[in-house]
Amino acid sequence: MRLLVLLWGCLLLPGYEALEGPKEISGFEGDTVSLQCTYREELRDHRKYWCRKGGFLLSRCSGTIYAGEEGQETTKGRVSIRDSHQELSLIVTLWNLTLQDAGKYWCGVDKRGLDESLLISLFVFPDEGLRLQETK
């Protein structure tokens, strides 16, 4: 049994969290937040993406947005991403945050087999100023 667990770990773990970036980001309702996920040189030409973690499996995502051509910003809803081959990084920007945006997200790179990915937690705090204005 131990051999099976060790073998499973060797097969799954090499690509897990191979990207570098923040593990957590936070902002208030209405804010804009940006983050940068850096990747290794050999992943330069692979397709990059950002998505909300949906289930138990790594590949389960919702609201996936894929980066376009190198240096070109791609926008979907209130999220934009840009792949910079020069900086070896994926830049993700989320604007006009809502409380519903809070959750876990994958910054990922498509590759044969398991994707390279980084799990990031987004925390969104209520904007008390907005809440006070709404109650008046």
Protein backbone atom coordinates (compact mmCIF):
# COMPACT_ATOMS: atom_id res chain seq x y z
CA MET A 1 0.00 0.00 0.00
CA ARG A 2 2.82 2.44 0.86
CA LEU A 3 4.42 1.78 -2.52
CA LEU A 4 1.14 2.64 -4.25
CA VAL A 5 0.83 5.93 -2.30
CA LEU A 6 4.48 6.80 -3.06
CA LEU A 7 4.02 6.03 -6.76
CA TRP A 8 0.81 8.09 -6.86
CA GLY A 9 2.65 11.00 -5.22
CA CYS A 10 5.48 10.82 -7.75
CA LEU A 11 3.01 10.92 -10.62
CA LEU A 12 0.82 13.75 -9.31
CA LEU A 13 3.05 16.05 -7.32
CA PRO A 14 5.67 17.16 -9.88
CA GLY A 15 3.26 19.59 -11.58
CA TYR A 16 1.37 20.62 -8.47
CA GLU A 17 2.09 24.22 -7.46
CA ALA A 18 4.99 24.47 -9.90
CA LEU A 19 3.98 28.08 -10.59
CA GLU A 20 5.01 30.84 -8.21
CA GLY A 21 2.82 33.64 -6.94
CA PRO A 22 0.73 34.72 -3.99
CA LYS A 23 -1.18 32.07 -2.07
CA GLU A 24 -3.70 34.68 -0.92
CA ILE A 25 -4.96 38.02 -2.19
CA SER A 26 -7.57 40.29 -0.67
CA GLY A 27 -9.53 43.44 -1.29
CA PHE A 28 -12.70 45.30 -0.39
CA GLU A 29 -15.93 45.34 -2.34
CA GLY A 30 -15.49 47.56 -5.38
CA ASP A 31 -11.67 47.29 -5.34
CA THR A 32 -9.39 46.15 -8.14
CA VAL A 33 -6.73 43.54 -7.37
CA SER A 34 -3.91 42.24 -9.53
CA LEU A 35 -1.56 39.32 -9.14
CA GLN A 36 1.30 37.76 -11.04
CA CYS A 37 1.92 34.03 -11.50
CA THR A 38 5.40 33.26 -12.77
CA TYR A 39 6.29 30.10 -14.68
CA ARG A 40 9.39 28.29 -15.90
CA GLU A 41 11.00 28.99 -19.28
CA GLU A 42 9.93 25.62 -20.72
CA LEU A 43 6.27 26.61 -20.25
CA ARG A 44 6.59 29.84 -22.27
CA ASP A 45 4.63 28.58 -25.29
CA HIS A 46 1.94 26.69 -23.38
CA ARG A 47 -1.57 28.09 -22.99
CA LYS A 48 -2.18 29.88 -19.64
CA TYR A 49 -5.49 30.29 -17.81
CA TRP A 50 -7.29 31.57 -14.71
CA CYS A 51 -10.38 29.89 -13.27
CA ARG A 52 -12.44 29.45 -10.14
CA LYS A 53 -11.88 26.14 -8.35
CA GLY A 54 -15.03 24.12 -8.79
CA GLY A 55 -14.65 20.70 -7.23
CA PHE A 56 -12.26 18.18 -5.78
CA LEU A 57 -10.26 17.51 -8.92
CA LEU A 58 -7.59 19.88 -10.19
CA SER A 59 -9.17 20.05 -13.62
CA ARG A 60 -12.56 21.10 -12.28
CA CYS A 61 -12.89 24.82 -12.97
CA SER A 62 -15.61 27.30 -13.69
CA GLY A 63 -15.40 30.60 -15.51
CA THR A 64 -12.12 29.73 -17.20
CA ILE A 65 -10.40 32.56 -19.06
CA TYR A 66 -7.47 31.76 -21.34
CA ALA A 67 -4.65 34.15 -22.14
CA GLY A 68 -4.46 35.28 -25.76
CA GLU A 69 -1.35 35.88 -27.82
CA GLU A 70 1.79 36.92 -25.95
CA GLY A 71 1.38 40.39 -24.45
CA GLN A 72 -2.28 40.65 -25.50
CA GLU A 73 -4.82 41.27 -22.75
CA THR A 74 -7.89 39.02 -22.70
CA THR A 75 -11.01 40.10 -20.81
CA LYS A 76 -14.01 38.10 -19.62
CA GLY A 77 -16.52 39.85 -17.39
CA ARG A 78 -14.58 41.68 -14.67
CA VAL A 79 -11.38 39.67 -15.16
CA SER A 80 -8.48 40.26 -17.51
CA ILE A 81 -5.32 38.23 -18.03
CA ARG A 82 -2.13 38.80 -19.99
CA ASP A 83 0.72 36.38 -20.68
CA SER A 84 4.14 38.03 -20.72
CA HIS A 85 6.74 35.73 -22.27
CA GLN A 86 9.42 38.31 -21.51
CA GLU A 87 8.64 38.23 -17.77
CA LEU A 88 7.60 34.54 -17.80
CA SER A 89 4.43 35.51 -16.01
CA LEU A 90 0.66 35.59 -16.22
CA ILE A 91 -0.83 38.84 -14.94
CA VAL A 92 -4.42 38.59 -13.66
CA THR A 93 -6.59 41.59 -12.77
CA LEU A 94 -10.04 41.43 -11.14
CA TRP A 95 -11.97 44.66 -10.81
CA ASN A 96 -15.10 45.86 -9.03
CA LEU A 97 -14.84 42.99 -6.53
CA THR A 98 -18.02 41.59 -4.97
CA LEU A 99 -18.41 39.39 -1.91
CA GLN A 100 -19.38 36.55 -4.27
CA ASP A 101 -15.92 36.71 -5.89
CA ALA A 102 -14.34 35.35 -2.69
CA GLY A 103 -13.07 31.80 -3.08
CA LYS A 104 -10.27 29.67 -4.48
CA TYR A 105 -8.85 30.10 -7.97
CA TRP A 106 -6.34 28.31 -10.17
CA CYS A 107 -3.61 30.12 -12.04
CA GLY A 108 -2.62 27.44 -14.53
CA VAL A 109 -0.63 26.33 -17.55
CA ASP A 110 -2.05 23.73 -19.95
CA LYS A 111 0.31 20.87 -20.62
CA ARG A 112 0.12 17.23 -21.57
CA GLY A 113 -0.86 15.16 -18.56
CA LEU A 114 -1.50 17.26 -15.47
CA ASP A 115 -1.49 21.03 -15.79
CA GLU A 116 1.00 23.11 -13.84
CA SER A 117 -1.04 25.20 -11.41
CA LEU A 118 -1.09 27.41 -8.35
CA LEU A 119 -4.07 27.59 -5.98
CA ILE A 120 -4.85 31.13 -4.83
CA SER A 121 -7.42 32.19 -2.23
CA LEU A 122 -9.25 35.47 -2.81
CA PHE A 123 -10.74 37.19 0.23
CA VAL A 124 -13.23 40.03 -0.28
CA PHE A 125 -14.18 42.22 2.67
CA PRO A 126 -17.38 44.28 2.91
CA ASP A 127 -16.94 47.98 2.22
CA GLU A 128 -18.48 49.40 5.38
CA GLY A 129 -18.71 52.87 3.80
CA LEU A 130 -20.97 51.53 1.07
CA ARG A 131 -23.11 49.65 3.60
CA LEU A 132 -23.60 52.78 5.72
CA GLN A 133 -24.65 54.82 2.69
CA GLU A 134 -27.17 52.14 1.64
CA THR A 135 -28.90 52.14 5.04
CA LYS A 136 -29.42 55.93 5.15
